[in-house]
Amino acid sequence: MKHIIVVFGPSGCGKSTVGKFLHENREFEFLESDQYQPKESVEKMKSGSSLNGLDHAVWLRELSQASIDATSKHEVVVVSCSALKRTHRNIFRPAVIDHNKSNERQHSNSKIKLHFLFLQICEKNAEILVEQRQLRDGDYMPMDLVRNQFQTLEVPRSGTKGELSIDCTIIDAGKGVEWMLKSVEDILEAFLS
């Protein structure tokens, strides 16, 4: 069984921190979603404009396919991306289902299990962390877009139409990096066993 772990949430919640940690400490393959953003989308965000539905769809389809492709060489692939809306997360689900059906027809044993980790953080904490990242790394995310992400965010909820509670775990990212990373490790230990 192969695994794709999508770590998602608004800017500043710790997605890249989790992905890098799992890559360095567990040797999981890590796909940073910013590396898959079309140049036009990055320029759009730098100018303070939000991405539209088509921008997200193109980017997330490419990212979901890249994560599936990466499972050919890796047992566990970690993907970081905002995936703020259910429709964004739902781009990954049918891609994995289609992959698994195709492999069944070919009698292949490379089935993929998909799981989402939502890093929940309050807007104020996210703004502080993004501001620190901007000073340290020159991050391109304008503060207005961080606020916009919180307005756009559809928090996963059990029993919500279109959201599968069985494939999504919520982690309180506001309790600090060490606590968050320990929580992620504990969750993945259970999930991957």
C-alpha atoms as a PDB file:
ATOM      1  CA  MET A   1       0.000   0.000   0.000  1.00  0.00           C
ATOM      2  CA  LYS A   2       1.275   3.438  -0.978  1.00  0.00           C
ATOM      3  CA  HIS A   3       0.220   6.612   0.843  1.00  0.00           C
ATOM      4  CA  ILE A   4      -0.346  10.231  -0.134  1.00  0.00           C
ATOM      5  CA  ILE A   5      -0.585  12.639   2.800  1.00  0.00           C
ATOM      6  CA  VAL A   6      -1.943  16.087   1.878  1.00  0.00           C
ATOM      7  CA  VAL A   7      -1.019  18.650   4.537  1.00  0.00           C
ATOM      8  CA  PHE A   8      -3.291  21.642   4.038  1.00  0.00           C
ATOM      9  CA  GLY A   9      -4.418  24.923   5.524  1.00  0.00           C
ATOM     10  CA  PRO A  10      -3.964  28.663   5.083  1.00  0.00           C
ATOM     11  CA  SER A  11      -0.628  30.392   4.671  1.00  0.00           C
ATOM     12  CA  GLY A  12       1.344  30.425   7.915  1.00  0.00           C
ATOM     13  CA  CYS A  13      -0.134  27.250   9.411  1.00  0.00           C
ATOM     14  CA  GLY A  14       3.040  25.156   9.057  1.00  0.00           C
ATOM     15  CA  LYS A  15       2.490  23.036   5.941  1.00  0.00           C
ATOM     16  CA  SER A  16       6.074  23.339   4.701  1.00  0.00           C
ATOM     17  CA  THR A  17       7.434  22.810   8.214  1.00  0.00           C
ATOM     18  CA  VAL A  18       5.543  19.507   8.474  1.00  0.00           C
ATOM     19  CA  GLY A  19       6.547  18.405   4.969  1.00  0.00           C
ATOM     20  CA  LYS A  20      10.233  19.167   5.492  1.00  0.00           C
ATOM     21  CA  PHE A  21      10.177  17.495   8.913  1.00  0.00           C
ATOM     22  CA  LEU A  22       8.672  14.292   7.500  1.00  0.00           C
ATOM     23  CA  HIS A  23      11.109  14.319   4.589  1.00  0.00           C
ATOM     24  CA  GLU A  24      14.142  14.784   6.847  1.00  0.00           C
ATOM     25  CA  ASN A  25      13.063  12.513   9.720  1.00  0.00           C
ATOM     26  CA  ARG A  26      11.009   9.815   8.013  1.00  0.00           C
ATOM     27  CA  GLU A  27      12.520  10.048   4.517  1.00  0.00           C
ATOM     28  CA  PHE A  28       9.088  10.527   2.952  1.00  0.00           C
ATOM     29  CA  GLU A  29       9.005  12.164  -0.455  1.00  0.00           C
ATOM     30  CA  PHE A  30       7.895  15.801  -0.089  1.00  0.00           C
ATOM     31  CA  LEU A  31       6.172  17.835  -2.795  1.00  0.00           C
ATOM     32  CA  GLU A  32       5.996  21.552  -2.009  1.00  0.00           C
ATOM     33  CA  SER A  33       2.973  22.892  -3.868  1.00  0.00           C
ATOM     34  CA  ASP A  34       4.580  26.254  -4.596  1.00  0.00           C
ATOM     35  CA  GLN A  35       6.956  24.408  -6.933  1.00  0.00           C
ATOM     36  CA  TYR A  36       3.929  23.422  -9.040  1.00  0.00           C
ATOM     37  CA  GLN A  37       2.309  26.863  -9.207  1.00  0.00           C
ATOM     38  CA  PRO A  38       2.312  28.270 -12.750  1.00  0.00           C
ATOM     39  CA  LYS A  39       4.454  31.408 -13.027  1.00  0.00           C
ATOM     40  CA  GLU A  40       1.344  33.423 -13.953  1.00  0.00           C
ATOM     41  CA  SER A  41      -0.357  32.407 -10.703  1.00  0.00           C
ATOM     42  CA  VAL A  42       2.667  33.396  -8.611  1.00  0.00           C
ATOM     43  CA  GLU A  43       2.767  36.790 -10.341  1.00  0.00           C
ATOM     44  CA  LYS A  44      -0.963  37.181  -9.748  1.00  0.00           C
ATOM     45  CA  MET A  45      -0.525  36.556  -6.009  1.00  0.00           C
ATOM     46  CA  LYS A  46       2.527  38.821  -5.770  1.00  0.00           C
ATOM     47  CA  SER A  47       0.396  41.623  -7.191  1.00  0.00           C
ATOM     48  CA  GLY A  48      -2.208  41.008  -4.478  1.00  0.00           C
ATOM     49  CA  SER A  49      -4.812  39.225  -6.617  1.00  0.00           C
ATOM     50  CA  SER A  50      -6.459  36.010  -5.495  1.00  0.00           C
ATOM     51  CA  LEU A  51      -6.398  32.943  -7.703  1.00  0.00           C
ATOM     52  CA  ASN A  52      -9.676  31.999  -9.363  1.00  0.00           C
ATOM     53  CA  GLY A  53     -11.255  28.557  -9.616  1.00  0.00           C
ATOM     54  CA  LEU A  54      -9.545  27.738 -12.913  1.00  0.00           C
ATOM     55  CA  ASP A  55      -6.136  28.747 -11.509  1.00  0.00           C
ATOM     56  CA  HIS A  56      -6.654  26.394  -8.577  1.00  0.00           C
ATOM     57  CA  ALA A  57      -7.991  23.537 -10.711  1.00  0.00           C
ATOM     58  CA  VAL A  58      -5.039  23.556 -13.127  1.00  0.00           C
ATOM     59  CA  TRP A  59      -2.509  23.753 -10.294  1.00  0.00           C
ATOM     60  CA  LEU A  60      -4.146  21.091  -8.101  1.00  0.00           C
ATOM     61  CA  ARG A  61      -4.652  18.635 -10.978  1.00  0.00           C
ATOM     62  CA  GLU A  62      -0.948  18.869 -11.785  1.00  0.00           C
ATOM     63  CA  LEU A  63      -0.045  18.509  -8.108  1.00  0.00           C
ATOM     64  CA  SER A  64      -2.339  15.517  -7.561  1.00  0.00           C
ATOM     65  CA  GLN A  65      -0.911  13.772 -10.633  1.00  0.00           C
ATOM     66  CA  ALA A  66       2.653  14.521  -9.498  1.00  0.00           C
ATOM     67  CA  SER A  67       1.870  12.983  -6.099  1.00  0.00           C
ATOM     68  CA  ILE A  68       0.439   9.848  -7.732  1.00  0.00           C
ATOM     69  CA  ASP A  69       3.465   9.605 -10.037  1.00  0.00           C
ATOM     70  CA  ALA A  70       5.812   9.954  -7.046  1.00  0.00           C
ATOM     71  CA  THR A  71       4.300   6.835  -5.441  1.00  0.00           C
ATOM     72  CA  SER A  72       5.947   4.762  -8.179  1.00  0.00           C
ATOM     73  CA  LYS A  73       9.275   5.387  -6.397  1.00  0.00           C
ATOM     74  CA  HIS A  74       8.186   6.151  -2.820  1.00  0.00           C
ATOM     75  CA  GLU A  75       5.958   4.403  -0.273  1.00  0.00           C
ATOM     76  CA  VAL A  76       4.784   7.688   1.286  1.00  0.00           C
ATOM     77  CA  VAL A  77       4.417  11.037  -0.478  1.00  0.00           C
ATOM     78  CA  VAL A  78       3.684  14.190   1.529  1.00  0.00           C
ATOM     79  CA  VAL A  79       2.115  17.124  -0.320  1.00  0.00           C
ATOM     80  CA  SER A  80       1.774  20.615   1.120  1.00  0.00           C
ATOM     81  CA  CYS A  81      -0.890  22.856  -0.363  1.00  0.00           C
ATOM     82  CA  SER A  82      -3.544  25.277   0.800  1.00  0.00           C
ATOM     83  CA  ALA A  83      -6.552  23.207  -0.450  1.00  0.00           C
ATOM     84  CA  LEU A  84      -8.798  25.765   1.227  1.00  0.00           C
ATOM     85  CA  LYS A  85     -12.082  24.541  -0.271  1.00  0.00           C
ATOM     86  CA  ARG A  86     -13.722  21.136  -0.431  1.00  0.00           C
ATOM     87  CA  THR A  87     -13.618  21.404  -4.224  1.00  0.00           C
ATOM     88  CA  HIS A  88      -9.824  21.780  -4.009  1.00  0.00           C
ATOM     89  CA  ARG A  89      -9.472  18.676  -1.832  1.00  0.00           C
ATOM     90  CA  ASN A  90     -11.896  16.818  -4.054  1.00  0.00           C
ATOM     91  CA  ILE A  91      -9.477  17.124  -6.983  1.00  0.00           C
ATOM     92  CA  PHE A  92      -7.158  14.671  -5.187  1.00  0.00           C
ATOM     93  CA  ARG A  93      -9.855  12.138  -4.278  1.00  0.00           C
ATOM     94  CA  PRO A  94     -11.064  11.101  -7.763  1.00  0.00           C
ATOM     95  CA  ALA A  95      -7.489  11.140  -9.108  1.00  0.00           C
ATOM     96  CA  VAL A  96      -6.484   8.549  -6.502  1.00  0.00           C
ATOM     97  CA  ILE A  97      -9.684   6.534  -7.032  1.00  0.00           C
ATOM     98  CA  ASP A  98      -9.073   6.469 -10.808  1.00  0.00           C
ATOM     99  CA  HIS A  99      -5.465   5.379 -10.238  1.00  0.00           C
ATOM    100  CA  ASN A 100      -6.574   2.541  -7.959  1.00  0.00           C
ATOM    101  CA  LYS A 101      -9.264   1.356 -10.407  1.00  0.00           C
ATOM    102  CA  SER A 102      -6.771   1.396 -13.267  1.00  0.00           C
ATOM    103  CA  ASN A 103      -4.305  -0.663 -11.243  1.00  0.00           C
ATOM    104  CA  GLU A 104      -7.015  -3.181 -10.338  1.00  0.00           C
ATOM    105  CA  ARG A 105      -7.748  -3.690 -14.043  1.00  0.00           C
ATOM    106  CA  GLN A 106      -4.027  -4.214 -14.659  1.00  0.00           C
ATOM    107  CA  HIS A 107      -3.723  -6.498 -11.615  1.00  0.00           C
ATOM    108  CA  SER A 108      -1.123  -4.139 -10.203  1.00  0.00           C
ATOM    109  CA  ASN A 109      -0.390  -4.024  -6.488  1.00  0.00           C
ATOM    110  CA  SER A 110       0.305  -0.292  -6.189  1.00  0.00           C
ATOM    111  CA  LYS A 111      -2.891   0.842  -4.507  1.00  0.00           C
ATOM    112  CA  ILE A 112      -2.786   4.317  -2.944  1.00  0.00           C
ATOM    113  CA  LYS A 113      -4.441   5.447   0.269  1.00  0.00           C
ATOM    114  CA  LEU A 114      -5.119   9.187   0.581  1.00  0.00           C
ATOM    115  CA  HIS A 115      -5.259  11.129   3.834  1.00  0.00           C
ATOM    116  CA  PHE A 116      -5.590  14.838   4.589  1.00  0.00           C
ATOM    117  CA  LEU A 117      -4.067  16.646   7.579  1.00  0.00           C
ATOM    118  CA  PHE A 118      -5.679  20.034   8.190  1.00  0.00           C
ATOM    119  CA  LEU A 119      -3.417  22.385  10.152  1.00  0.00           C
ATOM    120  CA  GLN A 120      -5.890  24.656  11.892  1.00  0.00           C
ATOM    121  CA  ILE A 121      -4.617  28.051  13.048  1.00  0.00           C
ATOM    122  CA  CYS A 122      -6.270  31.342  13.958  1.00  0.00           C
ATOM    123  CA  GLU A 123      -5.931  34.235  11.528  1.00  0.00           C
ATOM    124  CA  LYS A 124      -3.916  36.425  13.913  1.00  0.00           C
ATOM    125  CA  ASN A 125      -1.272  33.721  14.488  1.00  0.00           C
ATOM    126  CA  ALA A 126      -1.054  33.034  10.752  1.00  0.00           C
ATOM    127  CA  GLU A 127      -0.504  36.732  10.035  1.00  0.00           C
ATOM    128  CA  ILE A 128       2.334  36.877  12.577  1.00  0.00           C
ATOM    129  CA  LEU A 129       4.004  33.776  11.124  1.00  0.00           C
ATOM    130  CA  VAL A 130       3.659  34.992   7.526  1.00  0.00           C
ATOM    131  CA  GLU A 131       5.112  38.360   8.513  1.00  0.00           C
ATOM    132  CA  GLN A 132       8.108  36.607  10.112  1.00  0.00           C
ATOM    133  CA  ARG A 133       8.537  34.463   6.995  1.00  0.00           C
ATOM    134  CA  GLN A 134       8.415  37.547   4.772  1.00  0.00           C
ATOM    135  CA  LEU A 135      11.208  39.163   6.777  1.00  0.00           C
ATOM    136  CA  ARG A 136      13.286  35.986   6.873  1.00  0.00           C
ATOM    137  CA  ASP A 137      12.735  34.527   3.390  1.00  0.00           C
ATOM    138  CA  GLY A 138      11.164  37.298   1.322  1.00  0.00           C
ATOM    139  CA  ASP A 139       7.929  35.300   0.971  1.00  0.00           C
ATOM    140  CA  TYR A 140       5.637  36.589  -1.786  1.00  0.00           C
ATOM    141  CA  MET A 141       2.300  36.204   0.028  1.00  0.00           C
ATOM    142  CA  PRO A 142       0.780  39.664   0.661  1.00  0.00           C
ATOM    143  CA  MET A 143      -1.043  40.029   3.995  1.00  0.00           C
ATOM    144  CA  ASP A 144      -4.334  40.842   2.225  1.00  0.00           C
ATOM    145  CA  LEU A 145      -4.208  37.418   0.570  1.00  0.00           C
ATOM    146  CA  VAL A 146      -3.586  35.739   3.926  1.00  0.00           C
ATOM    147  CA  ARG A 147      -6.768  37.386   5.236  1.00  0.00           C
ATOM    148  CA  ASN A 148      -8.575  36.379   2.039  1.00  0.00           C
ATOM    149  CA  GLN A 149      -7.547  32.757   2.604  1.00  0.00           C
ATOM    150  CA  PHE A 150      -9.351  32.747   5.947  1.00  0.00           C
ATOM    151  CA  GLN A 151     -12.491  34.108   4.273  1.00  0.00           C
ATOM    152  CA  THR A 152     -12.230  31.390   1.609  1.00  0.00           C
ATOM    153  CA  LEU A 153     -11.357  28.530   3.983  1.00  0.00           C
ATOM    154  CA  GLU A 154     -13.912  25.734   4.265  1.00  0.00           C
ATOM    155  CA  VAL A 155     -12.951  23.917   7.452  1.00  0.00           C
ATOM    156  CA  PRO A 156     -13.459  20.157   7.056  1.00  0.00           C
ATOM    157  CA  ARG A 157     -16.272  18.909   9.230  1.00  0.00           C
ATOM    158  CA  SER A 158     -17.495  15.425   9.873  1.00  0.00           C
ATOM    159  CA  GLY A 159     -20.688  14.690   8.019  1.00  0.00           C
ATOM    160  CA  THR A 160     -20.416  17.676   5.675  1.00  0.00           C
ATOM    161  CA  LYS A 161     -21.593  16.839   2.171  1.00  0.00           C
ATOM    162  CA  GLY A 162     -18.551  16.279  -0.023  1.00  0.00           C
ATOM    163  CA  GLU A 163     -16.138  15.952   2.894  1.00  0.00           C
ATOM    164  CA  LEU A 164     -15.071  12.525   4.018  1.00  0.00           C
ATOM    165  CA  SER A 165     -14.335  12.641   7.727  1.00  0.00           C
ATOM    166  CA  ILE A 166     -12.611   9.285   7.470  1.00  0.00           C
ATOM    167  CA  ASP A 167      -9.806  10.700   5.314  1.00  0.00           C
ATOM    168  CA  CYS A 168      -9.204  14.010   7.122  1.00  0.00           C
ATOM    169  CA  THR A 169      -7.663  14.763  10.512  1.00  0.00           C
ATOM    170  CA  ILE A 170      -7.620  18.212  12.114  1.00  0.00           C
ATOM    171  CA  ILE A 171      -4.480  19.289  13.986  1.00  0.00           C
ATOM    172  CA  ASP A 172      -4.340  22.426  16.127  1.00  0.00           C
ATOM    173  CA  ALA A 173      -1.310  24.210  14.632  1.00  0.00           C
ATOM    174  CA  GLY A 174      -1.706  27.052  17.118  1.00  0.00           C
ATOM    175  CA  LYS A 175      -0.219  24.990  19.960  1.00  0.00           C
ATOM    176  CA  GLY A 176       3.327  25.419  18.657  1.00  0.00           C
ATOM    177  CA  VAL A 177       5.603  23.681  16.196  1.00  0.00           C
ATOM    178  CA  GLU A 178       6.865  20.926  18.523  1.00  0.00           C
ATOM    179  CA  TRP A 179       3.337  19.968  19.592  1.00  0.00           C
ATOM    180  CA  MET A 180       2.139  20.045  15.969  1.00  0.00           C
ATOM    181  CA  LEU A 181       4.991  17.827  14.727  1.00  0.00           C
ATOM    182  CA  LYS A 182       4.461  15.337  17.567  1.00  0.00           C
ATOM    183  CA  SER A 183       0.736  15.216  16.739  1.00  0.00           C
ATOM    184  CA  VAL A 184       1.505  14.609  13.067  1.00  0.00           C
ATOM    185  CA  GLU A 185       3.903  11.783  13.964  1.00  0.00           C
ATOM    186  CA  ASP A 186       1.333  10.144  16.255  1.00  0.00           C
ATOM    187  CA  ILE A 187      -1.413  10.388  13.631  1.00  0.00           C
ATOM    188  CA  LEU A 188       0.805   9.012  10.868  1.00  0.00           C
ATOM    189  CA  GLU A 189       2.011   6.181  13.094  1.00  0.00           C
ATOM    190  CA  ALA A 190      -1.587   4.997  13.414  1.00  0.00           C
ATOM    191  CA  PHE A 191      -2.458   5.764   9.801  1.00  0.00           C
ATOM    192  CA  LEU A 192       0.537   3.998   8.240  1.00  0.00           C
ATOM    193  CA  SER A 193       0.428   0.873  10.410  1.00  0.00           C
END
